[in-house]
Protein backbone atom coordinates (compact mmCIF):
# COMPACT_ATOMS: atom_id res chain seq x y z
CA MET A 1 -9.88 17.89 15.55
CA ALA A 2 -12.74 15.68 14.41
CA THR A 3 -12.19 13.10 11.70
CA SER A 4 -14.68 10.98 9.84
CA ARG A 5 -14.50 7.26 10.71
CA GLU A 6 -16.59 4.20 9.95
CA CYS A 7 -18.18 1.96 12.57
CA PRO A 8 -17.07 -1.68 12.10
CA SER A 9 -20.50 -2.92 13.15
CA CYS A 10 -23.05 -0.83 11.21
CA ALA A 11 -20.69 0.66 8.55
CA LEU A 12 -22.06 4.18 9.08
CA GLU A 13 -19.65 7.12 9.18
CA TYR A 14 -19.46 9.30 12.27
CA GLU A 15 -17.37 12.25 13.42
CA ASP A 16 -14.65 10.91 15.71
CA THR A 17 -13.59 13.47 18.29
CA GLY A 18 -11.36 10.97 20.07
CA ASP A 19 -13.51 10.59 23.17
CA LEU A 20 -16.24 8.29 21.81
CA LYS A 21 -16.57 4.95 23.54
CA GLN A 22 -19.46 3.67 21.46
CA CYS A 23 -21.06 4.22 18.05
CA PRO A 24 -23.67 7.00 18.16
CA TYR A 25 -25.92 5.02 15.80
CA CYS A 26 -25.85 1.35 16.79
CA GLY A 27 -24.20 1.48 20.22
CA TYR A 28 -21.20 -0.68 19.25
CA GLU A 29 -18.59 -0.37 21.99
CA PHE A 30 -15.20 0.44 20.53
CA PRO A 31 -12.30 -1.55 22.02
CA GLN A 32 -9.98 0.57 24.15
CA ARG A 33 -6.26 0.13 23.68
CA ARG A 34 -4.06 0.13 26.70
CA SER A 35 -0.89 2.16 26.62
CA SER A 36 1.15 -0.99 27.27
CA VAL A 37 0.07 -2.39 23.90
CA GLN A 38 1.42 0.71 22.19
CA TRP A 39 4.76 0.43 24.00
CA VAL A 40 5.11 -3.23 23.04
CA ALA A 41 4.40 -2.36 19.39
CA TRP A 42 7.14 0.31 19.41
CA LEU A 43 9.59 -2.07 21.08
CA LEU A 44 8.93 -4.80 18.50
CA ALA A 45 9.34 -2.32 15.65
CA LEU A 46 12.71 -1.20 17.03
CA LEU A 47 13.85 -4.80 17.49
CA LEU A 48 12.90 -5.61 13.90
CA LEU A 49 14.84 -2.58 12.62
CA TRP A 50 17.97 -3.35 14.66
CA PRO A 51 19.54 -5.80 12.13
CA ALA A 52 19.04 -3.26 9.33
CA VAL A 53 20.72 -0.53 11.38
CA LYS A 54 23.67 -2.83 12.22
CA GLY A 55 24.00 -3.78 8.55
CA LEU A 56 24.07 -0.15 7.48
CA MET A 57 26.64 0.62 10.14
CA MET A 58 28.87 -2.21 8.86
CA LEU A 59 28.40 -1.13 5.27
CA PHE A 60 29.20 2.55 5.81
CA GLY A 61 31.25 2.39 9.00
């Protein structure tokens, strides 16, 4: 499914099909995220939510 996105370099909109590595207009190379970065983000989110979960468990448990 293609979505419309904006290039951070030239500010022109393009159809993003998910497999683009560079802007079709100016040639800006989009940074590629590694899967390890995504896992670290999920881990940090869970660690930040842990005190809230413990607090709710104490409150209702």
